[in-house]
């Protein structure tokens, strides 16, 4: 049984990665329903919490059906990180997670996120201060290092464990890689194999199929897998991996009815949570992956990403279900291309 503090996650948990502008409550709900063992909020600015930014505070909203859930935040100022941890603790998440992995310039170049990989002593000071300021389990998500010439994850893992973190998620790329190239899980395995390490180690990066999940589980020996981009528009990835682990067989891909139902649920919840304008606008990034691979889908997709009237959006989704109900197709699911200035999953 993998545990973070007293939070039980099962024998080999699948975690939904925190992704800016993606892993909000409507999306987390879908992933939870389809098998994610633990979910995380979008990453939240400590400075935004301190200055009571409305949009930042909205990201703190969590629901009991999501549990166990971690609230992830980032920052570089010690006092602000402590004060923000107190604000977060009041929302009663199961875990408080610190982001030391976001590679986006506006975060990393201000000595937050992955920027702290260039100043490990300060990273350790921040982490120790947060651990001491809260009764919640504190975890960290980070990367291998700043670049290939400064991979320091072995040192980082030991030092963060020594100051009290209770789990570590590692994205198998450096900050310099952003999301390019292949994630190097061999470094994640080295952390897990280190006899000094006793906290759970979760691997992240490039897991986009049940076959790869099982291969990485067997080869690299992590305590669980964190999935980010492969879940966008495809929350079924969690149930597919679990089924493959249990039976060795692949589930059939979701039907068009399932895809439309998920998109409609997602839109409904997005409207309820964010209102008629933002609820429509922030759904737009999800439609393409929901219907990726359908022949001649572009006209419908164009309508979905330009229309502002919810009733017409629902009509369009129903039309897609009708038009494609008898189409025999197999969608090839691959992670969607991501603009790293818009989405950060560390």
C-alpha atoms as a PDB file:
ATOM      1  CA  UNK A   1       0.000   0.000   0.000  1.00  0.00           C
ATOM      2  CA  UNK A   2       1.428   3.363  -1.067  1.00  0.00           C
ATOM      3  CA  UNK A   3       0.781   6.105   1.472  1.00  0.00           C
ATOM      4  CA  UNK A   4       1.485   9.830   1.675  1.00  0.00           C
ATOM      5  CA  UNK A   5       1.336  10.478   5.377  1.00  0.00           C
ATOM      6  CA  UNK A   6      -1.938   8.797   6.336  1.00  0.00           C
ATOM      7  CA  UNK A   7      -3.388   9.096   2.824  1.00  0.00           C
ATOM      8  CA  UNK A   8      -3.749   5.631   1.303  1.00  0.00           C
ATOM      9  CA  UNK A   9      -3.432   5.433  -2.482  1.00  0.00           C
ATOM     10  CA  UNK A  10      -3.485   1.714  -3.275  1.00  0.00           C
ATOM     11  CA  UNK A  11      -0.700  -0.578  -4.439  1.00  0.00           C
ATOM     12  CA  UNK A  12       0.363   1.347  -7.565  1.00  0.00           C
ATOM     13  CA  UNK A  13      -1.521   4.634  -7.843  1.00  0.00           C
ATOM     14  CA  UNK A  14      -2.158   6.604 -11.002  1.00  0.00           C
ATOM     15  CA  UNK A  15      -2.026  10.334 -10.337  1.00  0.00           C
ATOM     16  CA  UNK A  16      -3.408  13.190 -12.424  1.00  0.00           C
ATOM     17  CA  UNK A  17      -0.660  15.773 -12.866  1.00  0.00           C
ATOM     18  CA  UNK A  18      -1.338  19.391 -11.944  1.00  0.00           C
ATOM     19  CA  UNK A  19      -1.702  21.305 -15.212  1.00  0.00           C
ATOM     20  CA  UNK A  20      -2.291  25.013 -15.494  1.00  0.00           C
ATOM     21  CA  UNK A  21      -5.619  25.843 -17.189  1.00  0.00           C
ATOM     22  CA  UNK A  22      -6.393  22.123 -17.511  1.00  0.00           C
ATOM     23  CA  UNK A  23      -6.757  20.319 -14.173  1.00  0.00           C
ATOM     24  CA  UNK A  24      -9.654  22.369 -12.846  1.00  0.00           C
ATOM     25  CA  UNK A  25     -12.617  20.785 -10.973  1.00  0.00           C
ATOM     26  CA  UNK A  26     -14.608  19.819 -14.109  1.00  0.00           C
ATOM     27  CA  UNK A  27     -11.622  18.008 -15.616  1.00  0.00           C
ATOM     28  CA  UNK A  28     -10.533  16.470 -12.314  1.00  0.00           C
ATOM     29  CA  UNK A  29     -14.033  15.072 -11.862  1.00  0.00           C
ATOM     30  CA  UNK A  30     -13.854  13.241 -15.188  1.00  0.00           C
ATOM     31  CA  UNK A  31     -10.412  11.818 -14.446  1.00  0.00           C
ATOM     32  CA  UNK A  32     -11.520  10.703 -11.005  1.00  0.00           C
ATOM     33  CA  UNK A  33     -14.574   8.955 -12.468  1.00  0.00           C
ATOM     34  CA  UNK A  34     -12.343   7.105 -14.915  1.00  0.00           C
ATOM     35  CA  UNK A  35      -9.825   5.800 -12.414  1.00  0.00           C
ATOM     36  CA  UNK A  36      -7.349   8.445 -11.254  1.00  0.00           C
ATOM     37  CA  UNK A  37      -6.332   7.512  -7.708  1.00  0.00           C
ATOM     38  CA  UNK A  38      -5.242  11.030  -6.767  1.00  0.00           C
ATOM     39  CA  UNK A  39      -5.696  14.387  -8.465  1.00  0.00           C
ATOM     40  CA  UNK A  40      -4.024  17.767  -8.109  1.00  0.00           C
ATOM     41  CA  UNK A  41      -5.238  21.292  -8.648  1.00  0.00           C
ATOM     42  CA  UNK A  42      -3.786  23.638 -11.192  1.00  0.00           C
ATOM     43  CA  UNK A  43      -0.643  25.134  -9.761  1.00  0.00           C
ATOM     44  CA  UNK A  44      -1.310  28.225  -7.687  1.00  0.00           C
ATOM     45  CA  UNK A  45       0.834  31.294  -7.114  1.00  0.00           C
ATOM     46  CA  UNK A  46       1.809  31.914  -3.495  1.00  0.00           C
ATOM     47  CA  UNK A  47       2.094  35.622  -4.315  1.00  0.00           C
ATOM     48  CA  UNK A  48      -1.401  35.590  -5.811  1.00  0.00           C
ATOM     49  CA  UNK A  49      -2.806  34.093  -2.624  1.00  0.00           C
ATOM     50  CA  UNK A  50      -1.015  36.656  -0.479  1.00  0.00           C
ATOM     51  CA  UNK A  51      -2.388  39.492  -2.588  1.00  0.00           C
ATOM     52  CA  UNK A  52      -5.863  37.922  -2.617  1.00  0.00           C
ATOM     53  CA  UNK A  53      -6.170  37.670  -6.384  1.00  0.00           C
ATOM     54  CA  UNK A  54      -9.715  36.482  -7.127  1.00  0.00           C
ATOM     55  CA  UNK A  55      -8.744  34.116  -9.929  1.00  0.00           C
ATOM     56  CA  UNK A  56      -6.009  32.571  -7.769  1.00  0.00           C
ATOM     57  CA  UNK A  57      -8.373  31.962  -4.861  1.00  0.00           C
ATOM     58  CA  UNK A  58     -10.876  30.258  -7.161  1.00  0.00           C
ATOM     59  CA  UNK A  59      -8.261  27.591  -7.921  1.00  0.00           C
ATOM     60  CA  UNK A  60      -8.316  26.585  -4.245  1.00  0.00           C
ATOM     61  CA  UNK A  61     -11.848  25.231  -4.561  1.00  0.00           C
ATOM     62  CA  UNK A  62     -11.917  21.465  -4.019  1.00  0.00           C
ATOM     63  CA  UNK A  63     -14.720  18.953  -3.499  1.00  0.00           C
ATOM     64  CA  UNK A  64     -15.055  15.838  -1.355  1.00  0.00           C
ATOM     65  CA  UNK A  65     -15.685  13.574  -4.356  1.00  0.00           C
ATOM     66  CA  UNK A  66     -12.185  14.422  -5.605  1.00  0.00           C
ATOM     67  CA  UNK A  67     -10.375  13.069  -2.557  1.00  0.00           C
ATOM     68  CA  UNK A  68      -7.608  12.341  -2.133  1.00  0.00           C
ATOM     69  CA  UNK A  69      -6.560  15.654  -3.662  1.00  0.00           C
ATOM     70  CA  UNK A  70      -3.444  17.777  -3.464  1.00  0.00           C
ATOM     71  CA  UNK A  71      -3.326  21.545  -3.808  1.00  0.00           C
ATOM     72  CA  UNK A  72      -0.143  22.516  -5.628  1.00  0.00           C
ATOM     73  CA  UNK A  73       1.467  25.927  -5.370  1.00  0.00           C
ATOM     74  CA  UNK A  74       4.693  27.700  -6.252  1.00  0.00           C
ATOM     75  CA  UNK A  75       6.764  30.672  -5.223  1.00  0.00           C
ATOM     76  CA  UNK A  76      10.238  31.836  -4.331  1.00  0.00           C
ATOM     77  CA  UNK A  77       9.784  34.076  -1.291  1.00  0.00           C
ATOM     78  CA  UNK A  78      10.006  32.223   2.014  1.00  0.00           C
ATOM     79  CA  UNK A  79       7.540  34.393   3.937  1.00  0.00           C
ATOM     80  CA  UNK A  80       4.974  34.224   1.140  1.00  0.00           C
ATOM     81  CA  UNK A  81       5.305  30.458   0.854  1.00  0.00           C
ATOM     82  CA  UNK A  82       4.654  30.075   4.587  1.00  0.00           C
ATOM     83  CA  UNK A  83       1.670  32.432   4.585  1.00  0.00           C
ATOM     84  CA  UNK A  84       0.235  30.804   1.461  1.00  0.00           C
ATOM     85  CA  UNK A  85       0.603  27.343   3.029  1.00  0.00           C
ATOM     86  CA  UNK A  86      -1.589  28.505   5.900  1.00  0.00           C
ATOM     87  CA  UNK A  87      -4.233  29.718   3.442  1.00  0.00           C
ATOM     88  CA  UNK A  88      -4.076  26.407   1.579  1.00  0.00           C
ATOM     89  CA  UNK A  89      -4.267  24.334   4.761  1.00  0.00           C
ATOM     90  CA  UNK A  90      -7.508  26.110   5.674  1.00  0.00           C
ATOM     91  CA  UNK A  91      -9.056  24.607   2.506  1.00  0.00           C
ATOM     92  CA  UNK A  92      -8.319  21.147   3.933  1.00  0.00           C
ATOM     93  CA  UNK A  93      -6.619  19.342   1.039  1.00  0.00           C
ATOM     94  CA  UNK A  94      -5.210  15.894   1.694  1.00  0.00           C
ATOM     95  CA  UNK A  95      -1.744  17.018   0.575  1.00  0.00           C
ATOM     96  CA  UNK A  96       0.091  20.291  -0.044  1.00  0.00           C
ATOM     97  CA  UNK A  97       2.392  19.982  -3.052  1.00  0.00           C
ATOM     98  CA  UNK A  98       5.190  22.395  -3.945  1.00  0.00           C
ATOM     99  CA  UNK A  99       5.983  22.933  -7.620  1.00  0.00           C
ATOM    100  CA  UNK A 100       9.699  22.989  -8.320  1.00  0.00           C
ATOM    101  CA  UNK A 101       9.232  21.805 -11.888  1.00  0.00           C
ATOM    102  CA  UNK A 102       7.354  24.344 -14.025  1.00  0.00           C
ATOM    103  CA  UNK A 103       9.724  25.300 -16.884  1.00  0.00           C
ATOM    104  CA  UNK A 104       7.778  28.298 -18.208  1.00  0.00           C
ATOM    105  CA  UNK A 105      10.006  31.381 -18.315  1.00  0.00           C
ATOM    106  CA  UNK A 106       7.657  33.670 -16.381  1.00  0.00           C
ATOM    107  CA  UNK A 107       7.902  31.208 -13.456  1.00  0.00           C
ATOM    108  CA  UNK A 108      11.331  29.592 -13.723  1.00  0.00           C
ATOM    109  CA  UNK A 109      13.207  32.793 -14.492  1.00  0.00           C
ATOM    110  CA  UNK A 110      11.809  34.407 -11.355  1.00  0.00           C
ATOM    111  CA  UNK A 111      13.394  31.736  -9.158  1.00  0.00           C
ATOM    112  CA  UNK A 112      10.235  29.700  -8.687  1.00  0.00           C
ATOM    113  CA  UNK A 113       9.151  26.405 -10.224  1.00  0.00           C
ATOM    114  CA  UNK A 114      12.093  24.769 -12.013  1.00  0.00           C
ATOM    115  CA  UNK A 115      14.157  27.892 -11.361  1.00  0.00           C
ATOM    116  CA  UNK A 116      14.846  26.609  -7.842  1.00  0.00           C
ATOM    117  CA  UNK A 117      16.854  23.729  -9.352  1.00  0.00           C
ATOM    118  CA  UNK A 118      19.594  26.338  -9.811  1.00  0.00           C
ATOM    119  CA  UNK A 119      19.558  27.145  -6.094  1.00  0.00           C
ATOM    120  CA  UNK A 120      19.069  23.911  -4.177  1.00  0.00           C
ATOM    121  CA  UNK A 121      19.893  25.425  -0.753  1.00  0.00           C
ATOM    122  CA  UNK A 122      17.071  27.943  -1.195  1.00  0.00           C
ATOM    123  CA  UNK A 123      14.749  25.178  -2.442  1.00  0.00           C
ATOM    124  CA  UNK A 124      15.518  23.215   0.708  1.00  0.00           C
ATOM    125  CA  UNK A 125      14.957  26.252   2.956  1.00  0.00           C
ATOM    126  CA  UNK A 126      11.584  26.937   1.361  1.00  0.00           C
ATOM    127  CA  UNK A 127      10.532  23.321   1.657  1.00  0.00           C
ATOM    128  CA  UNK A 128      11.608  22.972   5.284  1.00  0.00           C
ATOM    129  CA  UNK A 129       9.742  26.152   6.191  1.00  0.00           C
ATOM    130  CA  UNK A 130       6.546  24.894   4.549  1.00  0.00           C
ATOM    131  CA  UNK A 131       6.826  21.479   6.212  1.00  0.00           C
ATOM    132  CA  UNK A 132       7.178  23.141   9.615  1.00  0.00           C
ATOM    133  CA  UNK A 133       4.281  25.520   8.992  1.00  0.00           C
ATOM    134  CA  UNK A 134       1.572  22.939   8.265  1.00  0.00           C
ATOM    135  CA  UNK A 135       0.120  19.739   9.673  1.00  0.00           C
ATOM    136  CA  UNK A 136      -0.679  18.495   6.178  1.00  0.00           C
ATOM    137  CA  UNK A 137       1.674  16.106   4.354  1.00  0.00           C
ATOM    138  CA  UNK A 138       3.965  18.135   2.083  1.00  0.00           C
ATOM    139  CA  UNK A 139       5.095  16.707  -1.251  1.00  0.00           C
ATOM    140  CA  UNK A 140       7.151  18.065  -4.143  1.00  0.00           C
ATOM    141  CA  UNK A 141       7.062  17.829  -7.927  1.00  0.00           C
ATOM    142  CA  UNK A 142      10.262  18.659  -9.759  1.00  0.00           C
ATOM    143  CA  UNK A 143      12.490  17.829 -12.736  1.00  0.00           C
ATOM    144  CA  UNK A 144      15.869  16.160 -13.221  1.00  0.00           C
ATOM    145  CA  UNK A 145      17.793  19.425 -13.135  1.00  0.00           C
ATOM    146  CA  UNK A 146      18.165  22.703 -14.963  1.00  0.00           C
ATOM    147  CA  UNK A 147      19.920  21.195 -18.001  1.00  0.00           C
ATOM    148  CA  UNK A 148      21.906  18.116 -19.013  1.00  0.00           C
ATOM    149  CA  UNK A 149      25.089  19.478 -17.472  1.00  0.00           C
ATOM    150  CA  UNK A 150      23.476  20.087 -14.083  1.00  0.00           C
ATOM    151  CA  UNK A 151      21.267  17.077 -13.364  1.00  0.00           C
ATOM    152  CA  UNK A 152      20.976  17.118  -9.581  1.00  0.00           C
ATOM    153  CA  UNK A 153      17.856  15.085  -8.832  1.00  0.00           C
ATOM    154  CA  UNK A 154      19.707  12.594  -6.601  1.00  0.00           C
ATOM    155  CA  UNK A 155      20.892  15.379  -4.300  1.00  0.00           C
ATOM    156  CA  UNK A 156      17.541  17.181  -4.478  1.00  0.00           C
ATOM    157  CA  UNK A 157      15.586  14.043  -3.565  1.00  0.00           C
ATOM    158  CA  UNK A 158      17.733  13.260  -0.528  1.00  0.00           C
ATOM    159  CA  UNK A 159      17.766  16.802   0.781  1.00  0.00           C
ATOM    160  CA  UNK A 160      14.031  17.325   0.380  1.00  0.00           C
ATOM    161  CA  UNK A 161      13.306  14.021   2.100  1.00  0.00           C
ATOM    162  CA  UNK A 162      15.653  15.045   4.925  1.00  0.00           C
ATOM    163  CA  UNK A 163      13.579  18.177   5.623  1.00  0.00           C
ATOM    164  CA  UNK A 164      10.334  16.271   5.750  1.00  0.00           C
ATOM    165  CA  UNK A 165       8.567  15.858   2.410  1.00  0.00           C
ATOM    166  CA  UNK A 166       6.441  12.714   2.274  1.00  0.00           C
ATOM    167  CA  UNK A 167       6.459  11.953  -1.471  1.00  0.00           C
ATOM    168  CA  UNK A 168       8.297  13.131  -4.570  1.00  0.00           C
ATOM    169  CA  UNK A 169       7.041  13.271  -8.168  1.00  0.00           C
ATOM    170  CA  UNK A 170       9.742  13.564 -10.822  1.00  0.00           C
ATOM    171  CA  UNK A 171       9.219  14.690 -14.411  1.00  0.00           C
ATOM    172  CA  UNK A 172      11.922  12.924 -16.398  1.00  0.00           C
ATOM    173  CA  UNK A 173      13.150  15.996 -18.264  1.00  0.00           C
ATOM    174  CA  UNK A 174      15.350  18.954 -17.444  1.00  0.00           C
ATOM    175  CA  UNK A 175      14.052  22.495 -17.462  1.00  0.00           C
ATOM    176  CA  UNK A 176      16.016  23.168 -20.672  1.00  0.00           C
ATOM    177  CA  UNK A 177      14.127  20.364 -22.434  1.00  0.00           C
ATOM    178  CA  UNK A 178      10.743  21.891 -21.629  1.00  0.00           C
ATOM    179  CA  UNK A 179       8.488  19.169 -23.123  1.00  0.00           C
ATOM    180  CA  UNK A 180      10.775  18.173 -25.996  1.00  0.00           C
ATOM    181  CA  UNK A 181      12.685  14.962 -26.482  1.00  0.00           C
ATOM    182  CA  UNK A 182      12.145  11.787 -24.527  1.00  0.00           C
ATOM    183  CA  UNK A 183      11.684  11.738 -20.771  1.00  0.00           C
ATOM    184  CA  UNK A 184      14.641  10.021 -19.110  1.00  0.00           C
ATOM    185  CA  UNK A 185      13.175   7.677 -16.530  1.00  0.00           C
ATOM    186  CA  UNK A 186      16.559   6.104 -15.742  1.00  0.00           C
ATOM    187  CA  UNK A 187      17.255   9.037 -13.408  1.00  0.00           C
ATOM    188  CA  UNK A 188      13.898   8.504 -11.725  1.00  0.00           C
ATOM    189  CA  UNK A 189      14.855   4.852 -11.214  1.00  0.00           C
ATOM    190  CA  UNK A 190      18.171   5.920  -9.651  1.00  0.00           C
ATOM    191  CA  UNK A 191      16.289   7.994  -7.095  1.00  0.00           C
ATOM    192  CA  UNK A 192      13.977   5.067  -6.306  1.00  0.00           C
ATOM    193  CA  UNK A 193      16.924   2.645  -6.003  1.00  0.00           C
ATOM    194  CA  UNK A 194      18.826   4.938  -3.622  1.00  0.00           C
ATOM    195  CA  UNK A 195      18.883   3.029  -0.295  1.00  0.00           C
ATOM    196  CA  UNK A 196      18.541   6.325   1.601  1.00  0.00           C
ATOM    197  CA  UNK A 197      15.159   7.035   0.046  1.00  0.00           C
ATOM    198  CA  UNK A 198      12.090   5.755   1.852  1.00  0.00           C
ATOM    199  CA  UNK A 199       9.295   8.068   0.647  1.00  0.00           C
ATOM    200  CA  UNK A 200       7.103   7.216  -2.379  1.00  0.00           C
ATOM    201  CA  UNK A 201       8.605   8.174  -5.733  1.00  0.00           C
ATOM    202  CA  UNK A 202       6.226   8.853  -8.633  1.00  0.00           C
ATOM    203  CA  UNK A 203       7.412   9.022 -12.239  1.00  0.00           C
ATOM    204  CA  UNK A 204       6.042  11.482 -14.787  1.00  0.00           C
ATOM    205  CA  UNK A 205       6.628  12.018 -18.485  1.00  0.00           C
ATOM    206  CA  UNK A 206       5.625  10.353 -21.774  1.00  0.00           C
ATOM    207  CA  UNK A 207       3.252   7.716 -20.365  1.00  0.00           C
ATOM    208  CA  UNK A 208       0.505   7.736 -22.968  1.00  0.00           C
ATOM    209  CA  UNK A 209      -0.655   4.125 -23.251  1.00  0.00           C
ATOM    210  CA  UNK A 210      -1.355   1.089 -21.065  1.00  0.00           C
ATOM    211  CA  UNK A 211       1.559  -0.776 -22.651  1.00  0.00           C
ATOM    212  CA  UNK A 212       4.022   1.987 -21.843  1.00  0.00           C
ATOM    213  CA  UNK A 213       2.647   2.327 -18.315  1.00  0.00           C
ATOM    214  CA  UNK A 214       3.261  -1.369 -17.619  1.00  0.00           C
ATOM    215  CA  UNK A 215       6.687  -1.265 -19.243  1.00  0.00           C
ATOM    216  CA  UNK A 216       7.741   1.740 -17.151  1.00  0.00           C
ATOM    217  CA  UNK A 217       6.286   0.206 -13.996  1.00  0.00           C
ATOM    218  CA  UNK A 218       8.338  -2.947 -14.500  1.00  0.00           C
ATOM    219  CA  UNK A 219      11.534  -1.295 -15.740  1.00  0.00           C
ATOM    220  CA  UNK A 220      11.852   1.670 -13.417  1.00  0.00           C
ATOM    221  CA  UNK A 221      10.249   0.465 -10.198  1.00  0.00           C
ATOM    222  CA  UNK A 222       8.464   3.646  -9.166  1.00  0.00           C
ATOM    223  CA  UNK A 223       5.690   3.608  -6.580  1.00  0.00           C
ATOM    224  CA  UNK A 224       3.187   5.012  -9.060  1.00  0.00           C
ATOM    225  CA  UNK A 225       2.811   7.016 -12.242  1.00  0.00           C
ATOM    226  CA  UNK A 226       1.689  10.606 -12.717  1.00  0.00           C
ATOM    227  CA  UNK A 227      -0.066  11.318 -16.014  1.00  0.00           C
ATOM    228  CA  UNK A 228      -0.426  14.771 -17.530  1.00  0.00           C
ATOM    229  CA  UNK A 229      -0.752  15.533 -21.227  1.00  0.00           C
ATOM    230  CA  UNK A 230      -2.024  12.067 -22.188  1.00  0.00           C
ATOM    231  CA  UNK A 231      -5.161  12.687 -20.120  1.00  0.00           C
ATOM    232  CA  UNK A 232      -6.180  15.916 -21.866  1.00  0.00           C
ATOM    233  CA  UNK A 233      -9.390  15.096 -23.701  1.00  0.00           C
ATOM    234  CA  UNK A 234      -8.812  11.458 -22.783  1.00  0.00           C
ATOM    235  CA  UNK A 235      -9.676  10.770 -19.117  1.00  0.00           C
ATOM    236  CA  UNK A 236     -10.133   7.116 -20.082  1.00  0.00           C
ATOM    237  CA  UNK A 237      -6.343   6.653 -19.986  1.00  0.00           C
ATOM    238  CA  UNK A 238      -6.575   5.829 -16.269  1.00  0.00           C
ATOM    239  CA  UNK A 239      -9.160   3.061 -16.616  1.00  0.00           C
ATOM    240  CA  UNK A 240      -7.354   1.648 -19.647  1.00  0.00           C
ATOM    241  CA  UNK A 241      -4.060   1.376 -17.750  1.00  0.00           C
ATOM    242  CA  UNK A 242      -5.726  -0.253 -14.744  1.00  0.00           C
ATOM    243  CA  UNK A 243      -7.537  -2.762 -16.935  1.00  0.00           C
ATOM    244  CA  UNK A 244      -4.318  -3.654 -18.737  1.00  0.00           C
ATOM    245  CA  UNK A 245      -2.474  -4.086 -15.435  1.00  0.00           C
ATOM    246  CA  UNK A 246      -5.194  -6.407 -14.154  1.00  0.00           C
ATOM    247  CA  UNK A 247      -5.881  -8.491 -17.274  1.00  0.00           C
ATOM    248  CA  UNK A 248      -3.106  -7.953 -19.816  1.00  0.00           C
ATOM    249  CA  UNK A 249      -5.794  -6.986 -22.313  1.00  0.00           C
ATOM    250  CA  UNK A 250      -6.528  -3.654 -23.953  1.00  0.00           C
ATOM    251  CA  UNK A 251      -9.932  -2.074 -23.522  1.00  0.00           C
ATOM    252  CA  UNK A 252     -11.736  -0.955 -26.647  1.00  0.00           C
ATOM    253  CA  UNK A 253     -11.401   2.797 -27.107  1.00  0.00           C
ATOM    254  CA  UNK A 254     -14.335   4.905 -25.894  1.00  0.00           C
ATOM    255  CA  UNK A 255     -17.251   5.051 -28.281  1.00  0.00           C
ATOM    256  CA  UNK A 256     -18.454   8.249 -29.880  1.00  0.00           C
ATOM    257  CA  UNK A 257     -21.359   8.219 -27.418  1.00  0.00           C
ATOM    258  CA  UNK A 258     -18.907   8.090 -24.495  1.00  0.00           C
ATOM    259  CA  UNK A 259     -16.808  10.870 -25.983  1.00  0.00           C
ATOM    260  CA  UNK A 260     -19.769  13.152 -26.541  1.00  0.00           C
ATOM    261  CA  UNK A 261     -21.148  12.377 -23.077  1.00  0.00           C
ATOM    262  CA  UNK A 262     -17.795  13.283 -21.515  1.00  0.00           C
ATOM    263  CA  UNK A 263     -17.537  16.512 -23.518  1.00  0.00           C
ATOM    264  CA  UNK A 264     -21.091  17.485 -22.549  1.00  0.00           C
ATOM    265  CA  UNK A 265     -20.464  16.737 -18.885  1.00  0.00           C
ATOM    266  CA  UNK A 266     -17.215  18.686 -19.043  1.00  0.00           C
ATOM    267  CA  UNK A 267     -18.938  21.668 -20.659  1.00  0.00           C
ATOM    268  CA  UNK A 268     -21.848  21.554 -18.199  1.00  0.00           C
ATOM    269  CA  UNK A 269     -19.528  21.539 -15.201  1.00  0.00           C
ATOM    270  CA  UNK A 270     -17.289  24.197 -16.725  1.00  0.00           C
ATOM    271  CA  UNK A 271     -20.270  26.513 -17.217  1.00  0.00           C
ATOM    272  CA  UNK A 272     -21.441  25.893 -13.656  1.00  0.00           C
ATOM    273  CA  UNK A 273     -18.008  26.537 -12.171  1.00  0.00           C
ATOM    274  CA  UNK A 274     -16.682  29.381 -14.324  1.00  0.00           C
ATOM    275  CA  UNK A 275     -19.797  31.029 -15.693  1.00  0.00           C
ATOM    276  CA  UNK A 276     -21.120  31.404 -19.255  1.00  0.00           C
ATOM    277  CA  UNK A 277     -18.131  33.230 -20.736  1.00  0.00           C
ATOM    278  CA  UNK A 278     -15.061  31.613 -19.152  1.00  0.00           C
ATOM    279  CA  UNK A 279     -16.835  28.286 -19.045  1.00  0.00           C
ATOM    280  CA  UNK A 280     -17.136  28.361 -22.829  1.00  0.00           C
ATOM    281  CA  UNK A 281     -13.711  29.815 -23.551  1.00  0.00           C
ATOM    282  CA  UNK A 282     -11.716  27.474 -21.333  1.00  0.00           C
ATOM    283  CA  UNK A 283     -13.390  24.384 -22.772  1.00  0.00           C
ATOM    284  CA  UNK A 284     -11.994  25.117 -26.207  1.00  0.00           C
ATOM    285  CA  UNK A 285      -8.630  23.472 -25.598  1.00  0.00           C
ATOM    286  CA  UNK A 286     -10.370  20.159 -24.826  1.00  0.00           C
ATOM    287  CA  UNK A 287     -12.561  19.583 -27.892  1.00  0.00           C
ATOM    288  CA  UNK A 288      -9.804  18.610 -30.339  1.00  0.00           C
ATOM    289  CA  UNK A 289      -8.454  15.743 -28.217  1.00  0.00           C
ATOM    290  CA  UNK A 290     -11.960  14.484 -27.403  1.00  0.00           C
ATOM    291  CA  UNK A 291     -12.603  13.913 -31.093  1.00  0.00           C
ATOM    292  CA  UNK A 292      -9.082  13.397 -32.380  1.00  0.00           C
ATOM    293  CA  UNK A 293      -8.974  11.036 -35.361  1.00  0.00           C
ATOM    294  CA  UNK A 294     -12.554  11.366 -36.531  1.00  0.00           C
ATOM    295  CA  UNK A 295     -12.736  11.846 -40.306  1.00  0.00           C
ATOM    296  CA  UNK A 296     -13.813  15.285 -41.538  1.00  0.00           C
ATOM    297  CA  UNK A 297     -14.220  16.604 -38.003  1.00  0.00           C
ATOM    298  CA  UNK A 298     -12.692  20.032 -38.741  1.00  0.00           C
ATOM    299  CA  UNK A 299     -15.962  21.884 -39.501  1.00  0.00           C
ATOM    300  CA  UNK A 300     -17.464  20.718 -36.216  1.00  0.00           C
ATOM    301  CA  UNK A 301     -14.293  21.516 -34.314  1.00  0.00           C
ATOM    302  CA  UNK A 302     -14.219  24.990 -35.834  1.00  0.00           C
ATOM    303  CA  UNK A 303     -17.768  25.545 -34.623  1.00  0.00           C
ATOM    304  CA  UNK A 304     -16.916  24.317 -31.124  1.00  0.00           C
ATOM    305  CA  UNK A 305     -13.948  26.679 -30.755  1.00  0.00           C
ATOM    306  CA  UNK A 306     -15.696  29.798 -32.078  1.00  0.00           C
ATOM    307  CA  UNK A 307     -19.264  29.581 -30.786  1.00  0.00           C
ATOM    308  CA  UNK A 308     -20.115  31.391 -27.536  1.00  0.00           C
ATOM    309  CA  UNK A 309     -23.724  30.257 -27.075  1.00  0.00           C
ATOM    310  CA  UNK A 310     -23.845  27.148 -24.844  1.00  0.00           C
ATOM    311  CA  UNK A 311     -27.068  25.815 -26.361  1.00  0.00           C
ATOM    312  CA  UNK A 312     -25.474  25.764 -29.819  1.00  0.00           C
ATOM    313  CA  UNK A 313     -22.390  24.033 -28.426  1.00  0.00           C
ATOM    314  CA  UNK A 314     -24.560  21.275 -26.959  1.00  0.00           C
ATOM    315  CA  UNK A 315     -26.439  20.980 -30.264  1.00  0.00           C
ATOM    316  CA  UNK A 316     -23.117  20.652 -32.090  1.00  0.00           C
ATOM    317  CA  UNK A 317     -21.978  17.880 -29.747  1.00  0.00           C
ATOM    318  CA  UNK A 318     -25.253  16.022 -30.279  1.00  0.00           C
ATOM    319  CA  UNK A 319     -24.847  16.434 -34.031  1.00  0.00           C
ATOM    320  CA  UNK A 320     -21.363  14.922 -33.830  1.00  0.00           C
ATOM    321  CA  UNK A 321     -22.795  11.904 -32.017  1.00  0.00           C
ATOM    322  CA  UNK A 322     -25.496  11.477 -34.647  1.00  0.00           C
ATOM    323  CA  UNK A 323     -23.230  11.910 -37.662  1.00  0.00           C
ATOM    324  CA  UNK A 324     -20.530   9.568 -36.385  1.00  0.00           C
ATOM    325  CA  UNK A 325     -22.727   7.007 -34.616  1.00  0.00           C
ATOM    326  CA  UNK A 326     -22.203   4.353 -37.282  1.00  0.00           C
ATOM    327  CA  UNK A 327     -18.634   5.177 -38.229  1.00  0.00           C
ATOM    328  CA  UNK A 328     -16.202   2.346 -37.581  1.00  0.00           C
ATOM    329  CA  UNK A 329     -13.039   4.014 -36.416  1.00  0.00           C
ATOM    330  CA  UNK A 330     -10.122   3.519 -34.061  1.00  0.00           C
ATOM    331  CA  UNK A 331      -8.689   6.676 -32.645  1.00  0.00           C
ATOM    332  CA  UNK A 332      -4.922   6.761 -32.190  1.00  0.00           C
ATOM    333  CA  UNK A 333      -4.462   8.517 -28.883  1.00  0.00           C
ATOM    334  CA  UNK A 334      -1.313  10.580 -28.581  1.00  0.00           C
ATOM    335  CA  UNK A 335      -0.576  13.449 -26.197  1.00  0.00           C
ATOM    336  CA  UNK A 336      -1.768  16.738 -27.623  1.00  0.00           C
ATOM    337  CA  UNK A 337       0.825  19.331 -28.580  1.00  0.00           C
ATOM    338  CA  UNK A 338       1.064  21.866 -25.782  1.00  0.00           C
ATOM    339  CA  UNK A 339       1.945  25.523 -25.752  1.00  0.00           C
ATOM    340  CA  UNK A 340       4.202  25.689 -22.700  1.00  0.00           C
ATOM    341  CA  UNK A 341       3.252  29.317 -22.244  1.00  0.00           C
ATOM    342  CA  UNK A 342      -0.314  28.155 -21.594  1.00  0.00           C
ATOM    343  CA  UNK A 343       0.003  24.797 -19.849  1.00  0.00           C
ATOM    344  CA  UNK A 344       2.550  23.870 -17.244  1.00  0.00           C
ATOM    345  CA  UNK A 345       2.671  20.435 -15.660  1.00  0.00           C
ATOM    346  CA  UNK A 346       6.210  20.738 -14.291  1.00  0.00           C
END
